[in-house]
C-alpha atoms as a PDB file:
ATOM      1  CA  UNK A   1      93.985  90.442 103.328  1.00  0.00           C
ATOM      2  CA  UNK A   2      95.024  90.679  99.847  1.00  0.00           C
ATOM      3  CA  UNK A   3      96.415  87.823  98.592  1.00  0.00           C
ATOM      4  CA  UNK A   4      98.724  87.538  95.333  1.00  0.00           C
ATOM      5  CA  UNK A   5      96.088  85.573  94.035  1.00  0.00           C
ATOM      6  CA  UNK A   6      93.697  88.408  94.457  1.00  0.00           C
ATOM      7  CA  UNK A   7      95.906  90.506  92.995  1.00  0.00           C
ATOM      8  CA  UNK A   8      96.438  89.039  89.488  1.00  0.00           C
ATOM      9  CA  UNK A   9      92.712  88.832  89.400  1.00  0.00           C
ATOM     10  CA  UNK A  10      92.016  91.960  89.405  1.00  0.00           C
ATOM     11  CA  UNK A  11      95.087  92.911  87.382  1.00  0.00           C
ATOM     12  CA  UNK A  12      93.641  90.514  84.815  1.00  0.00           C
ATOM     13  CA  UNK A  13      90.417  92.539  84.842  1.00  0.00           C
ATOM     14  CA  UNK A  14      91.924  95.728  84.635  1.00  0.00           C
ATOM     15  CA  UNK A  15      93.821  94.193  82.081  1.00  0.00           C
ATOM     16  CA  UNK A  16      97.138  95.324  83.644  1.00  0.00           C
ATOM     17  CA  UNK A  17     100.477  93.047  83.566  1.00  0.00           C
ATOM     18  CA  UNK A  18     102.414  93.037  86.930  1.00  0.00           C
ATOM     19  CA  UNK A  19     105.894  91.046  86.798  1.00  0.00           C
ATOM     20  CA  UNK A  20     105.980  88.027  89.463  1.00  0.00           C
ATOM     21  CA  UNK A  21     108.637  89.546  91.406  1.00  0.00           C
ATOM     22  CA  UNK A  22     106.540  92.691  91.814  1.00  0.00           C
ATOM     23  CA  UNK A  23     103.492  90.973  93.477  1.00  0.00           C
ATOM     24  CA  UNK A  24     104.648  90.309  96.869  1.00  0.00           C
ATOM     25  CA  UNK A  25     105.089  94.327  97.044  1.00  0.00           C
ATOM     26  CA  UNK A  26     101.985  95.147  95.072  1.00  0.00           C
ATOM     27  CA  UNK A  27      99.977  92.949  97.349  1.00  0.00           C
ATOM     28  CA  UNK A  28     101.689  95.048 100.652  1.00  0.00           C
ATOM     29  CA  UNK A  29     100.745  98.418  99.489  1.00  0.00           C
ATOM     30  CA  UNK A  30      97.229  97.192  98.520  1.00  0.00           C
ATOM     31  CA  UNK A  31      96.955  95.542 102.459  1.00  0.00           C
ATOM     32  CA  UNK A  32      98.186  99.167 103.632  1.00  0.00           C
ATOM     33  CA  UNK A  33      95.264 100.865 101.571  1.00  0.00           C
ATOM     34  CA  UNK A  34      92.589  98.475 102.706  1.00  0.00           C
ATOM     35  CA  UNK A  35      93.770  99.288 106.591  1.00  0.00           C
ATOM     36  CA  UNK A  36      94.259 102.969 105.908  1.00  0.00           C
ATOM     37  CA  UNK A  37      90.674 102.931 104.217  1.00  0.00           C
ATOM     38  CA  UNK A  38      89.191 101.144 107.551  1.00  0.00           C
ATOM     39  CA  UNK A  39      90.749 103.217 109.369  1.00  0.00           C
ATOM     40  CA  UNK A  40      88.842 106.396 108.208  1.00  0.00           C
ATOM     41  CA  UNK A  41      85.519 104.328 108.144  1.00  0.00           C
ATOM     42  CA  UNK A  42      85.823 103.753 111.829  1.00  0.00           C
ATOM     43  CA  UNK A  43      86.809 107.096 112.718  1.00  0.00           C
ATOM     44  CA  UNK A  44      84.098 108.367 115.642  1.00  0.00           C
ATOM     45  CA  UNK A  45      81.840 110.456 113.609  1.00  0.00           C
ATOM     46  CA  UNK A  46      80.375 112.175 117.378  1.00  0.00           C
ATOM     47  CA  UNK A  47      80.463 116.123 117.727  1.00  0.00           C
ATOM     48  CA  UNK A  48      81.466 116.364 113.893  1.00  0.00           C
ATOM     49  CA  UNK A  49      80.123 119.028 111.934  1.00  0.00           C
ATOM     50  CA  UNK A  50      78.375 118.098 108.467  1.00  0.00           C
ATOM     51  CA  UNK A  51      80.010 119.795 105.963  1.00  0.00           C
ATOM     52  CA  UNK A  52      77.408 119.332 103.165  1.00  0.00           C
ATOM     53  CA  UNK A  53      77.542 123.101 103.439  1.00  0.00           C
ATOM     54  CA  UNK A  54      80.761 124.568 104.083  1.00  0.00           C
ATOM     55  CA  UNK A  55      80.171 127.654 102.654  1.00  0.00           C
ATOM     56  CA  UNK A  56      77.532 129.732 102.816  1.00  0.00           C
ATOM     57  CA  UNK A  57      77.171 130.544  98.994  1.00  0.00           C
ATOM     58  CA  UNK A  58      74.205 129.338  97.745  1.00  0.00           C
ATOM     59  CA  UNK A  59      74.194 130.499  94.264  1.00  0.00           C
ATOM     60  CA  UNK A  60      77.013 131.584  92.609  1.00  0.00           C
ATOM     61  CA  UNK A  61      76.269 132.124  89.086  1.00  0.00           C
ATOM     62  CA  UNK A  62      74.609 135.004  87.164  1.00  0.00           C
ATOM     63  CA  UNK A  63      71.010 135.599  86.407  1.00  0.00           C
ATOM     64  CA  UNK A  64      70.529 134.464  82.960  1.00  0.00           C
ATOM     65  CA  UNK A  65      70.042 137.806  81.038  1.00  0.00           C
ATOM     66  CA  UNK A  66      68.407 138.380  77.585  1.00  0.00           C
ATOM     67  CA  UNK A  67      70.636 140.745  75.700  1.00  0.00           C
ATOM     68  CA  UNK A  68      70.086 141.801  72.046  1.00  0.00           C
ATOM     69  CA  UNK A  69      73.421 139.966  69.797  1.00  0.00           C
ATOM     70  CA  UNK A  70      74.891 140.798  66.442  1.00  0.00           C
ATOM     71  CA  UNK A  71      72.492 139.770  63.257  1.00  0.00           C
ATOM     72  CA  UNK A  72      73.580 136.663  62.054  1.00  0.00           C
ATOM     73  CA  UNK A  73      73.083 137.710  58.358  1.00  0.00           C
ATOM     74  CA  UNK A  74      75.131 140.503  58.987  1.00  0.00           C
ATOM     75  CA  UNK A  75      77.850 138.719  60.299  1.00  0.00           C
ATOM     76  CA  UNK A  76      77.765 136.291  56.969  1.00  0.00           C
ATOM     77  CA  UNK A  77      77.043 139.096  54.246  1.00  0.00           C
ATOM     78  CA  UNK A  78      80.533 140.448  56.332  1.00  0.00           C
ATOM     79  CA  UNK A  79      82.239 136.535  56.167  1.00  0.00           C
ATOM     80  CA  UNK A  80      81.727 135.341  52.305  1.00  0.00           C
ATOM     81  CA  UNK A  81      77.506 134.644  52.920  1.00  0.00           C
ATOM     82  CA  UNK A  82      78.181 131.091  54.167  1.00  0.00           C
ATOM     83  CA  UNK A  83      77.011 128.487  53.479  1.00  0.00           C
ATOM     84  CA  UNK A  84      72.682 127.442  53.832  1.00  0.00           C
ATOM     85  CA  UNK A  85      72.668 130.027  56.436  1.00  0.00           C
ATOM     86  CA  UNK A  86      76.006 128.488  58.877  1.00  0.00           C
ATOM     87  CA  UNK A  87      79.074 129.464  58.700  1.00  0.00           C
ATOM     88  CA  UNK A  88      81.714 127.743  56.596  1.00  0.00           C
ATOM     89  CA  UNK A  89      85.282 127.177  57.741  1.00  0.00           C
ATOM     90  CA  UNK A  90      87.988 125.709  55.768  1.00  0.00           C
ATOM     91  CA  UNK A  91      89.137 121.994  56.829  1.00  0.00           C
ATOM     92  CA  UNK A  92      92.651 122.438  59.269  1.00  0.00           C
ATOM     93  CA  UNK A  93      93.748 118.681  59.804  1.00  0.00           C
ATOM     94  CA  UNK A  94      97.299 118.365  60.088  1.00  0.00           C
ATOM     95  CA  UNK A  95      98.011 114.674  57.608  1.00  0.00           C
END
């Protein structure tokens, strides 16, 4: 059973303030959640399938392929040269 004192201790650890008049209600809600979790934990698993592999997709990603890319030096020349071989962009920070 989750008491008001337990709730206050957890709230303090989580740095959450709970009004005194809300403690009873919150404690009851937490107890309902714990009871529900216990019910789920105690459901018999006999005859249930494993859901480890719910769908038959093994690997939905494409294979990596090496491909030609645009020459960085060409892009830097067209972009005012950059700086020390790197792209340079203007700082855009709102004040």
